């Protein structure tokens, strides 16, 4: 199913905790250091829209996953949910291409993170996204 030659260096197979991401093929992640993680997928027919291009919802799923993953203070007990997101489609992606994220945390507060993300194929930007993410902190009282 996956062509390993299309997977960029640093990306490794992963089974996401999120059932939606698992079902929709968010199959790779890359730990880039400093607590940052990028995600990716090799687009196949299940990702196609009616025109044979990667569906915009697939790109938004990738962006949302990366925005939330990178919004947290690297505590495995901390969770995150999207409060708002703005997505701009810049260029299409084709079935057979590897889509990956590039994420930048603008600011973190105790309750929120402000994060930008691009979904790219090589150096081609396909989607630009910015979001406000609610940080769900672990209960300090157990």
N, C-alpha and C. Protein backbone atom coordinates (compact mmCIF):
# COMPACT_ATOMS: atom_id res chain seq x y z
N UNK A 1 0.83 -1.20 0.00
CA UNK A 1 0.00 0.00 0.00
C UNK A 1 0.86 1.25 0.00
N UNK A 2 1.82 1.36 0.93
CA UNK A 2 2.69 2.54 0.98
C UNK A 2 3.97 2.27 0.21
N UNK A 3 4.42 3.29 -0.49
CA UNK A 3 5.68 3.22 -1.21
C UNK A 3 6.73 3.87 -0.32
N UNK A 4 7.59 3.06 0.34
CA UNK A 4 8.55 3.62 1.30
C UNK A 4 9.49 4.66 0.68
N UNK A 5 9.69 4.61 -0.61
CA UNK A 5 10.58 5.58 -1.25
C UNK A 5 9.99 7.00 -1.22
N UNK A 6 8.69 7.12 -1.01
CA UNK A 6 8.05 8.43 -0.97
C UNK A 6 7.99 9.04 0.43
N UNK A 7 8.40 8.28 1.44
CA UNK A 7 8.33 8.75 2.82
C UNK A 7 9.60 9.53 3.14
N UNK A 8 9.49 10.82 3.48
CA UNK A 8 10.69 11.62 3.77
C UNK A 8 11.45 11.10 4.99
N UNK A 9 12.73 11.37 4.99
CA UNK A 9 13.59 10.98 6.10
C UNK A 9 13.05 11.55 7.40
N UNK A 10 13.09 10.73 8.46
CA UNK A 10 12.65 11.16 9.78
C UNK A 10 11.23 10.74 10.11
N UNK A 11 10.41 10.47 9.10
CA UNK A 11 9.04 10.04 9.35
C UNK A 11 9.02 8.54 9.59
N UNK A 12 8.30 8.14 10.64
CA UNK A 12 8.19 6.72 10.99
C UNK A 12 6.71 6.36 11.09
N UNK A 13 6.39 5.08 10.82
CA UNK A 13 4.99 4.65 10.95
C UNK A 13 4.50 4.80 12.39
N UNK A 14 3.24 5.16 12.53
CA UNK A 14 2.63 5.30 13.84
C UNK A 14 1.16 4.91 13.73
N UNK A 15 0.61 4.40 14.82
CA UNK A 15 -0.82 4.16 14.91
C UNK A 15 -1.37 5.25 15.83
N UNK A 16 -2.14 6.20 15.29
CA UNK A 16 -2.64 7.30 16.12
C UNK A 16 -3.58 6.82 17.22
N UNK A 17 -3.61 7.55 18.34
CA UNK A 17 -4.56 7.27 19.41
C UNK A 17 -5.98 7.66 18.99
N UNK A 18 -6.10 8.67 18.14
CA UNK A 18 -7.39 9.19 17.71
C UNK A 18 -7.99 8.25 16.65
N UNK A 19 -9.17 7.67 16.92
CA UNK A 19 -9.76 6.74 15.95
C UNK A 19 -10.02 7.37 14.58
N UNK A 20 -10.40 8.64 14.55
CA UNK A 20 -10.66 9.31 13.27
C UNK A 20 -9.38 9.41 12.45
N UNK A 21 -8.30 9.82 13.10
CA UNK A 21 -7.01 9.93 12.41
C UNK A 21 -6.53 8.56 11.96
N UNK A 22 -6.75 7.55 12.78
CA UNK A 22 -6.35 6.19 12.42
C UNK A 22 -7.13 5.72 11.20
N UNK A 23 -8.43 5.94 11.21
CA UNK A 23 -9.30 5.52 10.10
C UNK A 23 -8.93 6.22 8.80
N UNK A 24 -8.50 7.46 8.90
CA UNK A 24 -8.26 8.28 7.71
C UNK A 24 -6.80 8.33 7.27
N UNK A 25 -5.97 7.50 7.86
CA UNK A 25 -4.64 7.30 7.31
C UNK A 25 -3.55 8.25 7.76
N UNK A 26 -3.70 8.86 8.94
CA UNK A 26 -2.59 9.64 9.48
C UNK A 26 -1.58 8.61 9.99
N UNK A 27 -0.72 8.15 9.09
CA UNK A 27 0.11 6.97 9.35
C UNK A 27 1.54 7.24 9.76
N UNK A 28 1.98 8.49 9.71
CA UNK A 28 3.40 8.78 9.97
C UNK A 28 3.55 9.99 10.88
N UNK A 29 4.62 9.96 11.67
CA UNK A 29 4.99 11.15 12.42
C UNK A 29 6.51 11.29 12.42
N UNK A 30 6.94 12.50 12.72
CA UNK A 30 8.36 12.84 12.75
C UNK A 30 8.60 13.68 13.99
N UNK A 31 9.39 13.15 14.91
CA UNK A 31 9.78 13.90 16.11
C UNK A 31 10.94 14.80 15.70
N UNK A 32 10.70 16.09 15.60
CA UNK A 32 11.73 17.02 15.12
C UNK A 32 12.53 17.64 16.25
N UNK A 33 12.28 17.23 17.49
CA UNK A 33 13.03 17.73 18.63
C UNK A 33 12.33 18.88 19.32
N UNK A 34 12.82 19.22 20.50
CA UNK A 34 12.24 20.30 21.31
C UNK A 34 10.75 20.10 21.54
N UNK A 35 10.30 18.86 21.58
CA UNK A 35 8.89 18.57 21.82
C UNK A 35 7.99 18.75 20.62
N UNK A 36 8.56 19.05 19.46
CA UNK A 36 7.77 19.26 18.25
C UNK A 36 7.61 17.96 17.47
N UNK A 37 6.41 17.78 16.95
CA UNK A 37 6.09 16.59 16.17
C UNK A 37 5.37 17.04 14.91
N UNK A 38 5.75 16.49 13.78
CA UNK A 38 5.03 16.73 12.54
C UNK A 38 4.39 15.41 12.10
N UNK A 39 3.31 15.50 11.33
CA UNK A 39 2.58 14.31 10.90
C UNK A 39 2.49 14.26 9.38
N UNK A 40 2.20 13.08 8.87
CA UNK A 40 2.11 12.94 7.42
C UNK A 40 1.31 11.73 7.00
N UNK A 41 0.98 11.72 5.72
CA UNK A 41 0.31 10.56 5.13
C UNK A 41 0.65 10.47 3.66
N UNK A 42 0.65 9.25 3.18
CA UNK A 42 0.84 8.99 1.76
C UNK A 42 -0.56 8.87 1.16
N UNK A 43 -0.96 9.85 0.36
CA UNK A 43 -2.33 9.93 -0.15
C UNK A 43 -2.64 8.75 -1.07
N UNK A 44 -3.75 8.09 -0.78
CA UNK A 44 -4.23 7.01 -1.64
C UNK A 44 -5.70 7.28 -2.01
N UNK A 45 -6.34 6.33 -2.66
CA UNK A 45 -7.69 6.54 -3.18
C UNK A 45 -8.71 6.93 -2.12
N UNK A 46 -8.53 6.48 -0.87
CA UNK A 46 -9.50 6.84 0.17
C UNK A 46 -9.43 8.32 0.51
N UNK A 47 -8.38 9.00 0.08
CA UNK A 47 -8.20 10.43 0.35
C UNK A 47 -8.69 11.32 -0.79
N UNK A 48 -9.19 10.71 -1.86
CA UNK A 48 -9.55 11.46 -3.07
C UNK A 48 -10.91 12.13 -2.96
N UNK A 49 -11.00 13.30 -3.60
CA UNK A 49 -12.31 13.92 -3.79
C UNK A 49 -12.87 13.43 -5.13
N UNK A 50 -14.01 13.95 -5.53
CA UNK A 50 -14.65 13.48 -6.77
C UNK A 50 -13.85 13.82 -8.02
N UNK A 51 -12.86 14.71 -7.90
CA UNK A 51 -12.05 15.12 -9.05
C UNK A 51 -10.72 14.37 -9.11
N UNK A 52 -10.48 13.47 -8.13
CA UNK A 52 -9.26 12.69 -8.14
C UNK A 52 -8.08 13.36 -7.44
N UNK A 53 -8.32 14.48 -6.78
CA UNK A 53 -7.29 15.17 -6.00
C UNK A 53 -7.50 14.83 -4.52
N UNK A 54 -6.51 15.14 -3.69
CA UNK A 54 -6.67 14.92 -2.25
C UNK A 54 -7.77 15.85 -1.74
N UNK A 55 -8.71 15.30 -1.00
CA UNK A 55 -9.83 16.05 -0.44
C UNK A 55 -9.32 17.08 0.57
N UNK A 56 -9.90 18.26 0.55
CA UNK A 56 -9.51 19.31 1.48
C UNK A 56 -9.67 18.91 2.93
N UNK A 57 -10.64 18.06 3.23
CA UNK A 57 -10.84 17.60 4.60
C UNK A 57 -9.65 16.79 5.11
N UNK A 58 -8.98 16.09 4.22
CA UNK A 58 -7.78 15.32 4.60
C UNK A 58 -6.68 16.28 5.03
N UNK A 59 -6.51 17.35 4.25
CA UNK A 59 -5.48 18.34 4.61
C UNK A 59 -5.82 19.01 5.94
N UNK A 60 -7.10 19.32 6.15
CA UNK A 60 -7.49 19.94 7.41
C UNK A 60 -7.29 18.99 8.59
N UNK A 61 -7.52 17.68 8.38
CA UNK A 61 -7.27 16.70 9.44
C UNK A 61 -5.80 16.69 9.83
N UNK A 62 -4.92 16.69 8.81
CA UNK A 62 -3.48 16.72 9.10
C UNK A 62 -3.10 17.96 9.88
N UNK A 63 -3.59 19.11 9.42
CA UNK A 63 -3.28 20.37 10.10
C UNK A 63 -3.80 20.35 11.53
N UNK A 64 -5.04 19.92 11.73
CA UNK A 64 -5.62 19.90 13.07
C UNK A 64 -4.82 19.01 14.01
N UNK A 65 -4.42 17.85 13.53
CA UNK A 65 -3.62 16.95 14.37
C UNK A 65 -2.30 17.61 14.78
N UNK A 66 -1.62 18.21 13.82
CA UNK A 66 -0.33 18.84 14.11
C UNK A 66 -0.51 20.06 15.02
N UNK A 67 -1.55 20.85 14.78
CA UNK A 67 -1.81 22.03 15.61
C UNK A 67 -2.01 21.61 17.06
N UNK A 68 -2.83 20.58 17.28
CA UNK A 68 -3.09 20.13 18.66
C UNK A 68 -1.87 19.48 19.30
N UNK A 69 -1.18 18.62 18.55
CA UNK A 69 0.00 17.95 19.11
C UNK A 69 1.07 18.93 19.55
N UNK A 70 1.24 19.98 18.79
CA UNK A 70 2.30 20.95 19.09
C UNK A 70 1.86 22.05 20.04
N UNK A 71 0.59 22.08 20.40
CA UNK A 71 0.08 23.15 21.26
C UNK A 71 0.40 22.92 22.74
N UNK A 72 0.69 21.71 23.12
CA UNK A 72 0.81 21.33 24.53
C UNK A 72 2.23 21.55 25.05
N UNK A 73 2.33 21.70 26.37
CA UNK A 73 3.64 21.62 27.03
C UNK A 73 3.91 20.13 27.10
N UNK A 74 4.79 19.61 26.66
CA UNK A 74 5.11 18.23 26.37
C UNK A 74 4.87 17.27 27.53
N UNK A 75 3.67 17.35 28.08
CA UNK A 75 3.23 16.48 29.17
C UNK A 75 2.30 15.44 28.54
N UNK A 76 2.64 14.15 28.65
CA UNK A 76 1.82 13.13 28.01
C UNK A 76 0.39 13.09 28.57
N UNK A 77 0.18 13.68 29.75
CA UNK A 77 -1.16 13.70 30.33
C UNK A 77 -1.98 14.90 29.89
N UNK A 78 -1.36 15.84 29.19
CA UNK A 78 -2.09 17.01 28.71
C UNK A 78 -2.77 16.69 27.38
N UNK A 79 -3.97 17.18 27.24
CA UNK A 79 -4.72 16.98 25.99
C UNK A 79 -4.99 18.36 25.37
N UNK A 80 -5.60 18.37 24.20
CA UNK A 80 -5.86 19.62 23.51
C UNK A 80 -7.06 19.46 22.59
N UNK A 81 -7.84 20.54 22.46
CA UNK A 81 -8.94 20.56 21.51
C UNK A 81 -8.91 21.89 20.77
N UNK A 82 -9.36 21.87 19.54
CA UNK A 82 -9.37 23.07 18.71
C UNK A 82 -10.57 23.94 19.08
N UNK A 83 -10.29 25.22 19.37
CA UNK A 83 -11.34 26.19 19.65
C UNK A 83 -11.78 26.85 18.34
N UNK A 84 -10.80 27.27 17.54
CA UNK A 84 -11.10 27.86 16.24
C UNK A 84 -9.92 27.61 15.31
N UNK A 85 -10.23 27.52 14.03
CA UNK A 85 -9.17 27.31 13.04
C UNK A 85 -9.57 28.01 11.75
N UNK A 86 -8.59 28.61 11.11
CA UNK A 86 -8.77 29.20 9.79
C UNK A 86 -7.88 28.43 8.84
N UNK A 87 -8.48 27.94 7.76
CA UNK A 87 -7.75 27.14 6.78
C UNK A 87 -7.86 27.80 5.41
N UNK A 88 -6.72 27.95 4.76
CA UNK A 88 -6.68 28.51 3.42
C UNK A 88 -6.03 27.49 2.48
N UNK A 89 -6.79 27.11 1.46
CA UNK A 89 -6.28 26.16 0.48
C UNK A 89 -5.45 26.93 -0.55
N UNK A 90 -4.19 26.54 -0.66
CA UNK A 90 -3.24 27.26 -1.51
C UNK A 90 -3.05 26.55 -2.84
N UNK A 91 -2.88 25.24 -2.80
CA UNK A 91 -2.64 24.45 -4.02
C UNK A 91 -3.05 23.02 -3.74
N UNK A 92 -3.48 22.32 -4.76
CA UNK A 92 -3.93 20.95 -4.59
C UNK A 92 -2.80 19.96 -4.40
N UNK A 93 -3.18 18.79 -3.92
CA UNK A 93 -2.24 17.67 -3.79
C UNK A 93 -2.83 16.48 -4.55
N UNK A 94 -1.96 15.66 -5.07
CA UNK A 94 -2.38 14.52 -5.90
C UNK A 94 -2.31 13.22 -5.12
N UNK A 95 -3.15 12.29 -5.50
CA UNK A 95 -3.08 10.95 -4.96
C UNK A 95 -1.70 10.39 -5.30
N UNK A 96 -1.07 9.74 -4.32
CA UNK A 96 0.29 9.21 -4.50
C UNK A 96 1.36 10.10 -3.92
N UNK A 97 1.00 11.34 -3.55
CA UNK A 97 1.98 12.25 -2.95
C UNK A 97 1.97 12.11 -1.43
N UNK A 98 3.13 12.43 -0.83
CA UNK A 98 3.24 12.41 0.63
C UNK A 98 2.98 13.83 1.15
N UNK A 99 1.95 13.96 1.98
CA UNK A 99 1.61 15.24 2.59
C UNK A 99 2.15 15.26 4.01
N UNK A 100 2.78 16.36 4.39
CA UNK A 100 3.31 16.49 5.73
C UNK A 100 3.06 17.89 6.26
N UNK A 101 3.20 18.03 7.56
CA UNK A 101 2.96 19.33 8.19
C UNK A 101 4.27 20.01 8.57
N UNK A 102 4.18 21.34 8.67
CA UNK A 102 5.23 22.18 9.25
C UNK A 102 4.51 23.11 10.21
N UNK A 103 4.82 23.00 11.48
CA UNK A 103 4.05 23.68 12.52
C UNK A 103 4.92 24.64 13.31
N UNK A 104 4.30 25.76 13.70
CA UNK A 104 5.00 26.78 14.48
C UNK A 104 4.08 27.29 15.59
N UNK A 105 4.51 27.12 16.84
CA UNK A 105 3.75 27.65 17.97
C UNK A 105 4.09 29.12 18.12
N UNK A 106 3.07 29.96 18.04
CA UNK A 106 3.25 31.41 18.16
C UNK A 106 3.33 31.81 19.63
N UNK A 107 2.39 31.28 20.43
CA UNK A 107 2.36 31.64 21.85
C UNK A 107 1.58 30.58 22.61
N UNK A 108 2.03 30.30 23.83
CA UNK A 108 1.30 29.42 24.73
C UNK A 108 0.99 30.21 25.99
N UNK A 109 -0.24 30.07 26.46
CA UNK A 109 -0.60 30.56 27.78
C UNK A 109 -0.99 29.35 28.61
N UNK A 110 -1.38 29.55 29.83
CA UNK A 110 -1.77 28.41 30.66
C UNK A 110 -2.97 27.67 30.06
N UNK A 111 -3.87 28.39 29.40
CA UNK A 111 -5.08 27.74 28.91
C UNK A 111 -5.15 27.57 27.39
N UNK A 112 -4.41 28.40 26.63
CA UNK A 112 -4.53 28.37 25.19
C UNK A 112 -3.17 28.37 24.51
N UNK A 113 -3.16 27.84 23.30
CA UNK A 113 -1.99 27.95 22.43
C UNK A 113 -2.45 28.54 21.11
N UNK A 114 -1.59 29.36 20.52
CA UNK A 114 -1.83 29.97 19.22
C UNK A 114 -0.79 29.37 18.27
N UNK A 115 -1.28 28.66 17.26
CA UNK A 115 -0.39 27.82 16.46
C UNK A 115 -0.70 28.00 14.97
N UNK A 116 0.36 28.00 14.15
CA UNK A 116 0.23 28.02 12.69
C UNK A 116 0.76 26.70 12.14
N UNK A 117 0.22 26.32 10.99
CA UNK A 117 0.64 25.06 10.37
C UNK A 117 0.48 25.17 8.86
N UNK A 118 1.38 24.55 8.15
CA UNK A 118 1.26 24.38 6.70
C UNK A 118 1.25 22.89 6.40
N UNK A 119 0.40 22.50 5.48
CA UNK A 119 0.45 21.15 4.92
C UNK A 119 1.15 21.29 3.59
N UNK A 120 2.22 20.52 3.42
CA UNK A 120 3.06 20.67 2.23
C UNK A 120 3.30 19.32 1.56
N UNK A 121 3.61 19.41 0.27
CA UNK A 121 4.16 18.29 -0.50
C UNK A 121 5.51 18.80 -0.98
N UNK A 122 6.58 18.21 -0.47
CA UNK A 122 7.93 18.73 -0.70
C UNK A 122 7.95 20.18 -0.22
N UNK A 123 8.25 21.14 -1.09
CA UNK A 123 8.25 22.55 -0.69
C UNK A 123 7.00 23.29 -1.15
N UNK A 124 6.04 22.57 -1.71
CA UNK A 124 4.80 23.19 -2.21
C UNK A 124 3.78 23.26 -1.09
N UNK A 125 3.37 24.47 -0.74
CA UNK A 125 2.35 24.66 0.30
C UNK A 125 0.99 24.37 -0.31
N UNK A 126 0.26 23.45 0.34
CA UNK A 126 -1.08 23.08 -0.12
C UNK A 126 -2.16 23.71 0.75
N UNK A 127 -1.90 23.83 2.05
CA UNK A 127 -2.87 24.40 2.99
C UNK A 127 -2.12 25.21 4.02
N UNK A 128 -2.65 26.37 4.34
CA UNK A 128 -2.12 27.20 5.42
C UNK A 128 -3.20 27.30 6.49
N UNK A 129 -2.83 27.03 7.74
CA UNK A 129 -3.82 26.98 8.81
C UNK A 129 -3.30 27.72 10.04
N UNK A 130 -4.20 28.37 10.75
CA UNK A 130 -3.86 28.95 12.06
C UNK A 130 -5.01 28.63 13.00
N UNK A 131 -4.67 28.42 14.27
CA UNK A 131 -5.70 27.98 15.21
C UNK A 131 -5.43 28.47 16.62
N UNK A 132 -6.52 28.51 17.37
CA UNK A 132 -6.48 28.68 18.81
C UNK A 132 -6.83 27.32 19.38
N UNK A 133 -5.96 26.80 20.22
CA UNK A 133 -6.12 25.47 20.79
C UNK A 133 -6.28 25.59 22.30
N UNK A 134 -7.30 24.93 22.85
CA UNK A 134 -7.52 24.88 24.29
C UNK A 134 -6.67 23.77 24.86
N UNK A 135 -5.81 24.13 25.81
CA UNK A 135 -4.99 23.13 26.49
C UNK A 135 -5.80 22.53 27.62
N UNK A 136 -5.90 21.22 27.67
CA UNK A 136 -6.62 20.52 28.73
C UNK A 136 -5.59 19.96 29.68
N UNK A 137 -5.37 20.69 30.75
CA UNK A 137 -4.31 20.35 31.69
C UNK A 137 -4.72 19.20 32.59
N UNK A 138 -3.74 18.37 32.97
CA UNK A 138 -4.05 17.26 33.91
C UNK A 138 -4.54 17.84 35.23
N UNK A 139 -5.43 17.12 35.87
CA UNK A 139 -5.95 17.53 37.16
C UNK A 139 -4.84 17.43 38.19
N UNK A 140 -4.45 18.57 38.77
CA UNK A 140 -3.35 18.61 39.75
C UNK A 140 -3.69 17.85 41.02
N UNK A 141 -4.97 17.59 41.27
CA UNK A 141 -5.38 16.89 42.48
C UNK A 141 -5.53 15.39 42.26
N UNK A 142 -5.21 14.91 41.06
CA UNK A 142 -5.29 13.49 40.78
C UNK A 142 -6.63 13.11 40.37
